[in-house]
């Protein structure tokens, strides 16, 4: 008996690694940054700053964690279904969807467990919102999916049989 090939292997690797990195980094942020303020890694450019967010990206829908946690769950379950049942996804698609799952699940875990999302990456040179690894995973996933759309060509299906 030969071992069966795992369907969409890159999807599962991206999703699992992304969730683990996100949750470990948030745990460390809570342990070492909460109550400290901001720790400059490159002063005025890149800081580690503990923050919480009860909304979505850029604090949109702030304070509406009750329905946002369910959105995270539904998106995560939908993407798990995609990973389980999709056939023929390109590697770019697998990594893209896996990263989006990692981000949705990582922030969803925070929403269900703590009632807020932990953020800590503070890029000050461009006055950007404080974010986390789950947010990065979602954006990396979207870039991978864009690459898949732009560079992946699907062969048209032929009707009838070749002679």
Protein backbone atom coordinates (compact mmCIF):
# COMPACT_ATOMS: atom_id res chain seq x y z
CA UNK A 1 0.00 0.00 0.00
CA UNK A 2 1.42 3.38 -0.97
CA UNK A 3 0.79 6.51 1.07
CA UNK A 4 -1.82 8.77 -0.48
CA UNK A 5 -0.84 12.18 -1.70
CA UNK A 6 -2.19 15.05 0.38
CA UNK A 7 -4.39 17.18 -1.84
CA UNK A 8 -3.49 20.89 -1.80
CA UNK A 9 -0.39 20.37 0.34
CA UNK A 10 0.82 23.97 -0.06
CA UNK A 11 -2.59 25.24 1.11
CA UNK A 12 -2.35 23.27 4.36
CA UNK A 13 1.29 24.19 4.97
CA UNK A 14 0.58 27.92 4.45
CA UNK A 15 -2.51 27.79 6.67
CA UNK A 16 -0.92 25.86 9.55
CA UNK A 17 2.39 27.75 9.53
CA UNK A 18 0.52 31.08 9.29
CA UNK A 19 -1.79 30.36 12.23
CA UNK A 20 1.08 29.08 14.39
CA UNK A 21 3.29 32.11 13.63
CA UNK A 22 0.38 34.47 14.24
CA UNK A 23 -0.68 32.97 17.55
CA UNK A 24 2.88 32.60 18.90
CA UNK A 25 3.74 36.19 17.94
CA UNK A 26 0.56 37.49 19.60
CA UNK A 27 1.29 35.48 22.74
CA UNK A 28 4.77 37.02 22.87
CA UNK A 29 3.34 40.49 22.25
CA UNK A 30 0.96 40.09 25.19
CA UNK A 31 3.72 38.72 27.43
CA UNK A 32 6.42 41.26 26.60
CA UNK A 33 4.75 44.37 25.16
CA UNK A 34 1.52 44.81 27.10
CA UNK A 35 1.94 47.74 29.47
CA UNK A 36 5.40 48.58 28.13
CA UNK A 37 4.36 51.08 25.49
CA UNK A 38 6.45 50.96 22.35
CA UNK A 39 9.82 49.32 21.73
CA UNK A 40 11.73 50.88 18.83
CA UNK A 41 13.64 48.39 16.71
CA UNK A 42 14.58 51.15 14.26
CA UNK A 43 13.75 54.39 16.03
CA UNK A 44 11.05 56.38 14.25
CA UNK A 45 10.68 53.73 11.56
CA UNK A 46 9.84 50.29 12.98
CA UNK A 47 8.49 49.75 16.48
CA UNK A 48 6.79 46.97 18.39
CA UNK A 49 3.70 48.46 20.02
CA UNK A 50 1.01 46.51 21.84
CA UNK A 51 -2.50 47.44 20.75
CA UNK A 52 -5.93 45.82 20.69
CA UNK A 53 -8.55 46.14 17.99
CA UNK A 54 -12.25 45.34 18.46
CA UNK A 55 -12.93 45.98 14.79
CA UNK A 56 -11.57 44.86 11.44
CA UNK A 57 -8.65 46.24 9.40
CA UNK A 58 -7.79 49.87 10.20
CA UNK A 59 -10.27 49.62 13.12
CA UNK A 60 -13.22 49.61 10.71
CA UNK A 61 -16.38 48.46 12.50
CA UNK A 62 -14.68 49.13 15.84
CA UNK A 63 -16.59 47.65 18.76
CA UNK A 64 -18.55 45.24 16.58
CA UNK A 65 -16.63 42.13 17.55
CA UNK A 66 -19.80 40.04 17.98
CA UNK A 67 -20.58 39.76 14.28
CA UNK A 68 -16.95 40.03 13.13
CA UNK A 69 -16.04 36.84 14.98
CA UNK A 70 -18.77 34.99 13.07
CA UNK A 71 -17.55 36.43 9.76
CA UNK A 72 -14.06 35.12 10.63
CA UNK A 73 -15.49 31.69 11.41
CA UNK A 74 -17.60 31.49 8.22
CA UNK A 75 -14.68 32.62 6.02
CA UNK A 76 -12.36 30.14 7.75
CA UNK A 77 -14.79 27.24 7.34
CA UNK A 78 -15.37 28.14 3.70
CA UNK A 79 -11.64 28.16 3.04
CA UNK A 80 -11.17 24.82 4.85
CA UNK A 81 -13.87 23.43 2.55
CA UNK A 82 -12.02 24.86 -0.44
CA UNK A 83 -8.81 23.20 0.72
CA UNK A 84 -10.54 19.86 1.25
CA UNK A 85 -12.60 19.67 -1.91
CA UNK A 86 -10.81 21.70 -4.61
CA UNK A 87 -8.90 19.83 -7.26
CA UNK A 88 -6.28 21.27 -9.57
CA UNK A 89 -5.41 24.45 -7.67
CA UNK A 90 -2.08 25.91 -8.75
CA UNK A 91 0.63 26.34 -6.14
CA UNK A 92 0.01 30.11 -6.15
CA UNK A 93 -3.67 29.51 -5.48
CA UNK A 94 -2.94 26.99 -2.74
CA UNK A 95 -0.52 29.32 -0.94
CA UNK A 96 -2.83 32.30 -1.49
CA UNK A 97 -5.94 30.65 -0.08
CA UNK A 98 -3.90 29.04 2.72
CA UNK A 99 -2.51 32.43 3.78
CA UNK A 100 -5.97 34.01 3.72
CA UNK A 101 -7.20 31.13 5.89
CA UNK A 102 -4.30 31.67 8.29
CA UNK A 103 -5.18 35.34 8.64
CA UNK A 104 -8.92 34.82 9.03
CA UNK A 105 -8.41 31.99 11.52
CA UNK A 106 -5.67 33.78 13.47
CA UNK A 107 -7.71 36.94 13.98
CA UNK A 108 -10.85 34.85 14.48
CA UNK A 109 -9.22 32.95 17.33
CA UNK A 110 -8.45 36.27 19.01
CA UNK A 111 -12.01 37.50 18.52
CA UNK A 112 -13.53 34.37 20.07
CA UNK A 113 -11.02 33.92 22.91
CA UNK A 114 -10.18 37.49 23.96
CA UNK A 115 -12.92 39.64 22.41
CA UNK A 116 -10.36 41.68 20.49
CA UNK A 117 -7.46 41.22 18.07
CA UNK A 118 -3.89 41.78 19.30
CA UNK A 119 -1.78 44.03 17.05
CA UNK A 120 1.89 44.89 17.54
CA UNK A 121 3.71 45.66 14.27
CA UNK A 122 4.08 49.44 14.09
CA UNK A 123 5.57 50.87 10.88
CA UNK A 124 5.95 54.56 11.67
CA UNK A 125 7.76 55.79 8.61
CA UNK A 126 4.52 55.72 6.60
CA UNK A 127 2.06 56.37 9.45
CA UNK A 128 0.37 53.02 8.91
CA UNK A 129 -2.04 51.23 11.23
CA UNK A 130 -0.57 48.84 13.80
CA UNK A 131 -1.10 45.29 12.55
CA UNK A 132 -0.18 41.64 13.15
CA UNK A 133 1.03 38.50 11.37
CA UNK A 134 -2.54 37.45 10.47
CA UNK A 135 -2.99 40.74 8.62
CA UNK A 136 0.30 40.15 6.79
CA UNK A 137 -0.83 36.61 5.88
CA UNK A 138 -4.07 37.91 4.36
CA UNK A 139 -2.18 40.43 2.24
CA UNK A 140 0.44 37.88 1.15
CA UNK A 141 -2.44 35.56 0.24
CA UNK A 142 -4.13 38.23 -1.87
CA UNK A 143 -0.85 38.92 -3.70
CA UNK A 144 -0.44 35.18 -4.40
CA UNK A 145 -4.00 34.99 -5.71
CA UNK A 146 -3.39 38.01 -7.94
CA UNK A 147 -0.25 36.33 -9.30
CA UNK A 148 -2.27 33.16 -9.92
CA UNK A 149 -4.87 35.12 -11.89
CA UNK A 150 -2.29 37.03 -13.92
CA UNK A 151 0.19 34.24 -14.68
CA UNK A 152 -1.77 30.99 -14.55
CA UNK A 153 -3.23 29.98 -17.86
CA UNK A 154 -5.92 27.33 -17.99
CA UNK A 155 -6.20 25.16 -21.03
CA UNK A 156 -9.58 25.55 -22.74
CA UNK A 157 -11.74 22.43 -22.67
CA UNK A 158 -12.31 20.77 -25.97
CA UNK A 159 -15.68 19.51 -26.95
CA UNK A 160 -15.65 16.12 -28.55
CA UNK A 161 -12.75 13.77 -29.02
CA UNK A 162 -9.43 14.40 -30.73
CA UNK A 163 -9.01 12.47 -33.95
